[in-house]
Amino acid sequence: MRTRKAALVGALCVGLSVALTACGGAAEDPDAGTNGVGKLDPAKIQDKARTAARDASAVHLSGSVVSQGRTYKLDMRLKRDGGTGRVASDASTFELLRVGDELFLKAPAAFWSRGDKGDGAAAAGKLEKKYVKVPAGDPAYAQFKGFTDKNVLLDGLIALHGKLARGDHGTVGGARTIRVDGAGGSGGKLDVSLMGDPYPLRVQRAGGAGQLELSDWGKDFALTAPPKQDVVDYGKRIPSTGEGAPLPGPAK
């Protein structure tokens, strides 16, 4: 009887030894079968994630960021030659579309008419459901373009602050990840894929300034200029956009 019990216990230990240490076996290597970045110094993990992001042809970015005291919800698809998507805050909601150097802004009438009355409000009503072409010389051009520039936007959002440390292994969207913490987490957190290319999959910004999910790396999407009948071209300068939309840069 004792022999049979001993054999049974031994069999159980063999079956569980991969995941458990209770039977005296070694714990599973969390980096086994991965791309290996989980074993690197945290600064190198961040560098590899930034390089992978820059080299990728496209990405889907969604989540929220806090910039200059205002919270923005972003849902953007970006690639090297432009991007498209929606930016929303308590003050305004608008859509952006950039194809090469051509930048278009689409927003409800309330976006254009904040603070305006009479003729201004009436003109704003005509812009609803239209793509307003933003002139390259307009002060708003660089600001709005930043939301559609993959590398500029990601460089600002991915940045961590303070001393970097390698954090826990985990999963994001079903993919195995390694986390890099800045300043013990208060300087931001970055979850990097351990499968395939070391893409950043989630970023929690320093100081609680929002969280973003990054997916569909390298997945192409259609990016074309809107039909001419749907475009309003104001020439050198677009109408006032009220409070504006400061680009969410690195959290301080």
Protein backbone atom coordinates (compact mmCIF):
# COMPACT_ATOMS: atom_id res chain seq x y z
CA MET A 1 0.00 0.00 0.00
CA ARG A 2 2.77 2.42 0.93
CA THR A 3 4.51 1.65 -2.35
CA ARG A 4 1.36 2.44 -4.35
CA LYS A 5 0.84 5.73 -2.45
CA ALA A 6 4.45 6.72 -3.00
CA ALA A 7 4.13 6.02 -6.71
CA LEU A 8 0.95 8.11 -6.91
CA VAL A 9 2.55 11.06 -5.12
CA GLY A 10 5.57 10.79 -7.40
CA ALA A 11 3.40 10.87 -10.50
CA LEU A 12 1.56 13.94 -9.27
CA CYS A 13 4.82 15.71 -8.56
CA VAL A 14 6.10 14.97 -12.05
CA GLY A 15 2.89 16.34 -13.59
CA LEU A 16 2.98 19.55 -11.59
CA SER A 17 6.71 20.18 -11.45
CA VAL A 18 6.61 22.45 -14.48
CA ALA A 19 4.38 24.98 -12.74
CA LEU A 20 4.90 24.34 -9.03
CA THR A 21 7.81 24.08 -6.62
CA ALA A 22 5.93 22.25 -3.85
CA CYS A 23 7.28 18.87 -4.97
CA GLY A 24 10.82 20.11 -5.14
CA GLY A 25 10.85 20.89 -8.88
CA ALA A 26 12.06 24.16 -10.42
CA ALA A 27 9.56 26.91 -11.23
CA GLU A 28 8.74 27.55 -14.87
CA ASP A 29 10.99 30.09 -16.58
CA PRO A 30 8.64 33.02 -17.40
CA ASP A 31 10.84 33.91 -20.38
CA ALA A 32 10.91 30.43 -21.91
CA GLY A 33 9.74 30.48 -25.51
CA THR A 34 9.73 34.30 -25.69
CA ASN A 35 11.71 36.87 -27.65
CA GLY A 36 14.10 37.16 -24.70
CA VAL A 37 13.66 40.85 -23.89
CA GLY A 38 12.31 39.97 -20.44
CA LYS A 39 15.84 39.11 -19.33
CA LEU A 40 17.34 42.42 -20.43
CA ASP A 41 18.08 45.48 -18.32
CA PRO A 42 14.98 47.71 -18.09
CA ALA A 43 16.58 50.52 -20.08
CA LYS A 44 17.32 48.09 -22.92
CA ILE A 45 13.75 46.78 -22.81
CA GLN A 46 12.43 50.33 -23.18
CA ASP A 47 14.89 51.03 -26.03
CA LYS A 48 13.86 47.89 -27.89
CA ALA A 49 10.18 48.76 -27.45
CA ARG A 50 10.77 52.27 -28.78
CA THR A 51 12.74 50.94 -31.77
CA ALA A 52 10.06 48.36 -32.56
CA ALA A 53 7.38 51.05 -32.39
CA ARG A 54 9.31 53.32 -34.74
CA ASP A 55 9.96 50.52 -37.23
CA ALA A 56 6.35 49.35 -37.32
CA SER A 57 4.34 50.38 -40.36
CA ALA A 58 1.09 50.95 -38.44
CA VAL A 59 -0.54 50.86 -35.01
CA HIS A 60 -3.94 51.31 -33.34
CA LEU A 61 -3.75 53.53 -30.27
CA SER A 62 -6.66 53.91 -27.83
CA GLY A 63 -7.16 55.14 -24.30
CA SER A 64 -6.92 58.38 -22.38
CA VAL A 65 -4.23 60.94 -21.66
CA VAL A 66 -4.16 63.97 -19.40
CA SER A 67 -2.42 67.05 -20.79
CA GLN A 68 -2.43 70.57 -19.36
CA GLY A 69 -5.20 69.64 -16.95
CA ARG A 70 -7.50 68.26 -19.62
CA THR A 71 -8.34 64.60 -20.25
CA TYR A 72 -8.39 63.39 -23.84
CA LYS A 73 -9.77 60.11 -25.10
CA LEU A 74 -7.89 58.96 -28.17
CA ASP A 75 -8.83 56.36 -30.75
CA MET A 76 -6.30 56.69 -33.55
CA ARG A 77 -4.97 54.49 -36.33
CA LEU A 78 -1.54 55.67 -37.38
CA LYS A 79 1.04 54.82 -39.98
CA ARG A 80 4.10 56.43 -41.49
CA ASP A 81 2.32 58.66 -44.00
CA GLY A 82 -0.62 59.77 -41.88
CA GLY A 83 -3.40 58.70 -39.61
CA THR A 84 -7.07 58.90 -38.80
CA GLY A 85 -9.27 58.75 -35.74
CA ARG A 86 -11.11 60.60 -33.02
CA VAL A 87 -10.03 62.85 -30.15
CA ALA A 88 -12.57 63.68 -27.44
CA SER A 89 -12.56 65.72 -24.25
CA ASP A 90 -15.15 67.34 -22.02
CA ALA A 91 -14.75 70.51 -24.06
CA SER A 92 -14.80 69.12 -27.58
CA THR A 93 -14.83 66.14 -29.89
CA PHE A 94 -13.29 66.06 -33.33
CA GLU A 95 -12.03 63.70 -36.00
CA LEU A 96 -8.67 64.00 -37.69
CA LEU A 97 -7.49 62.66 -41.01
CA ARG A 98 -4.03 63.20 -42.43
CA VAL A 99 -2.86 61.87 -45.78
CA GLY A 100 0.73 62.89 -46.35
CA ASP A 101 0.90 66.63 -45.66
CA GLU A 102 -2.83 67.18 -46.14
CA LEU A 103 -4.61 67.49 -42.80
CA PHE A 104 -8.38 67.52 -42.37
CA LEU A 105 -10.45 68.28 -39.29
CA LYS A 106 -14.07 67.22 -38.86
CA ALA A 107 -16.12 68.43 -35.90
CA PRO A 108 -19.68 69.30 -34.86
CA ALA A 109 -20.91 72.87 -35.10
CA ALA A 110 -20.43 73.36 -31.36
CA PHE A 111 -16.69 72.85 -31.80
CA TRP A 112 -16.43 75.81 -34.17
CA SER A 113 -18.93 78.10 -32.46
CA ARG A 114 -17.73 78.08 -28.84
CA GLY A 115 -17.95 81.64 -27.66
CA ASP A 116 -19.35 82.85 -30.98
CA LYS A 117 -22.84 84.19 -31.62
CA GLY A 118 -24.77 85.44 -34.58
CA ASP A 119 -22.93 85.12 -37.89
CA GLY A 120 -20.13 83.06 -36.30
CA ALA A 121 -22.55 80.47 -35.01
CA ALA A 122 -24.37 80.37 -38.33
CA ALA A 123 -21.11 79.82 -40.21
CA ALA A 124 -20.18 77.07 -37.77
CA GLY A 125 -23.36 75.23 -38.63
CA LYS A 126 -22.22 74.99 -42.25
CA LEU A 127 -19.02 73.24 -41.18
CA GLU A 128 -20.78 70.38 -39.46
CA LYS A 129 -20.25 67.04 -41.21
CA LYS A 130 -17.58 68.68 -43.39
CA TYR A 131 -13.85 68.09 -43.47
CA VAL A 132 -12.09 71.39 -42.95
CA LYS A 133 -8.68 71.41 -44.56
CA VAL A 134 -6.15 72.79 -42.09
CA PRO A 135 -3.64 75.08 -43.85
CA ALA A 136 0.00 74.23 -43.21
CA GLY A 137 0.65 77.83 -42.17
CA ASP A 138 -2.11 77.90 -39.56
CA PRO A 139 -0.93 77.81 -35.91
CA ALA A 140 -3.25 74.84 -35.32
CA TYR A 141 -1.64 72.74 -38.04
CA ALA A 142 1.37 71.48 -36.07
CA GLN A 143 -0.76 70.83 -32.99
CA PHE A 144 -3.40 68.78 -34.77
CA LYS A 145 -0.84 67.07 -37.00
CA GLY A 146 0.88 65.78 -33.86
CA PHE A 147 -2.13 63.59 -33.11
CA THR A 148 -1.65 61.86 -36.47
CA ASP A 149 2.15 61.56 -36.46
CA LYS A 150 2.98 58.03 -35.30
CA ASN A 151 6.54 58.60 -34.15
CA VAL A 152 5.98 62.03 -32.57
CA LEU A 153 2.93 60.87 -30.65
CA LEU A 154 4.43 57.57 -29.49
CA ASP A 155 7.75 59.12 -28.44
CA GLY A 156 5.87 61.50 -26.19
CA LEU A 157 3.47 58.96 -24.75
CA ILE A 158 5.83 56.03 -24.20
CA ALA A 159 8.45 58.00 -22.23
CA LEU A 160 9.07 56.85 -18.65
CA HIS A 161 10.59 59.00 -15.92
CA GLY A 162 12.97 58.29 -13.07
CA LYS A 163 15.04 55.19 -12.40
CA LEU A 164 13.85 52.25 -14.46
CA ALA A 165 13.22 48.80 -13.00
CA ARG A 166 12.08 45.53 -14.51
CA GLY A 167 8.61 44.73 -13.25
CA ASP A 168 6.29 41.74 -13.37
CA HIS A 169 5.51 39.38 -16.20
CA GLY A 170 1.89 39.50 -17.30
CA THR A 171 -0.43 39.54 -20.30
CA VAL A 172 -2.03 42.26 -22.39
CA GLY A 173 -4.65 41.27 -24.94
CA GLY A 174 -3.61 37.65 -24.57
CA ALA A 175 0.07 38.36 -25.31
CA ARG A 176 2.74 37.65 -22.71
CA THR A 177 4.48 40.79 -21.51
CA ILE A 178 7.23 42.19 -19.32
CA ARG A 179 6.68 45.45 -17.48
CA VAL A 180 9.15 48.29 -17.06
CA ASP A 181 8.47 50.71 -14.18
CA GLY A 182 9.75 54.26 -13.92
CA ALA A 183 10.48 55.57 -10.40
CA GLY A 184 8.74 52.63 -8.79
CA GLY A 185 5.69 53.10 -10.96
CA SER A 186 5.09 56.79 -10.29
CA GLY A 187 7.17 57.61 -13.37
CA GLY A 188 4.99 55.48 -15.60
CA LYS A 189 4.65 51.81 -16.54
CA LEU A 190 5.28 50.16 -19.87
CA ASP A 191 4.16 46.63 -20.81
CA VAL A 192 6.25 45.18 -23.65
CA SER A 193 5.38 42.12 -25.72
CA LEU A 194 7.43 38.98 -25.12
CA MET A 195 6.09 37.39 -28.29
CA GLY A 196 7.52 38.30 -31.67
CA ASP A 197 8.66 41.90 -31.95
CA PRO A 198 8.93 43.68 -28.57
CA TYR A 199 6.13 46.13 -29.24
CA PRO A 200 4.78 48.30 -26.42
CA LEU A 201 1.26 47.04 -25.71
CA ARG A 202 0.20 49.22 -22.78
CA VAL A 203 1.51 52.42 -21.26
CA GLN A 204 0.43 53.92 -17.96
CA ARG A 205 1.69 57.48 -17.96
CA ALA A 206 3.62 59.12 -15.17
CA GLY A 207 1.64 60.87 -12.47
CA GLY A 208 -1.60 59.10 -13.36
CA ALA A 209 -1.77 61.01 -16.66
CA GLY A 210 -3.72 58.33 -18.47
CA GLN A 211 -3.42 54.83 -19.89
CA LEU A 212 -3.17 53.70 -23.50
CA GLU A 213 -3.46 50.38 -25.28
CA LEU A 214 -1.41 49.80 -28.44
CA SER A 215 -2.48 47.05 -30.82
CA ASP A 216 -2.65 45.98 -34.47
CA TRP A 217 1.07 46.63 -34.92
CA GLY A 218 1.95 46.45 -38.60
CA LYS A 219 -1.68 45.97 -39.65
CA ASP A 220 -2.33 48.17 -42.68
CA PHE A 221 -5.51 50.21 -43.17
CA ALA A 222 -6.96 52.42 -45.87
CA LEU A 223 -5.96 56.08 -45.74
CA THR A 224 -7.44 58.31 -48.43
CA ALA A 225 -8.40 61.96 -48.68
CA PRO A 226 -12.14 62.72 -48.36
CA PRO A 227 -14.22 63.48 -51.47
CA LYS A 228 -13.87 67.07 -52.65
CA GLN A 229 -17.58 67.77 -52.09
CA ASP A 230 -17.10 67.02 -48.38
CA VAL A 231 -14.12 69.37 -47.95
CA VAL A 232 -14.08 73.03 -46.97
CA ASP A 233 -10.82 74.78 -47.82
CA TYR A 234 -10.35 78.02 -45.92
CA GLY A 235 -7.08 78.92 -47.57
CA LYS A 236 -4.55 80.42 -45.19
CA ARG A 237 -6.36 80.06 -41.89
CA ILE A 238 -9.25 78.06 -40.45
CA PRO A 239 -11.91 79.59 -38.18
CA SER A 240 -11.29 79.75 -34.46
CA THR A 241 -11.39 76.38 -32.72
CA GLY A 242 -12.11 77.86 -29.33
CA GLU A 243 -9.97 76.37 -26.59
CA GLY A 244 -7.78 74.43 -28.99
CA ALA A 245 -6.30 71.00 -28.39
CA PRO A 246 -2.82 70.85 -26.89
CA LEU A 247 -0.88 67.77 -27.93
CA PRO A 248 -0.44 65.30 -25.06
CA GLY A 249 3.32 65.22 -24.63
CA PRO A 250 5.42 63.44 -22.02
CA ALA A 251 3.90 63.65 -18.55
CA LYS A 252 5.98 65.77 -16.17
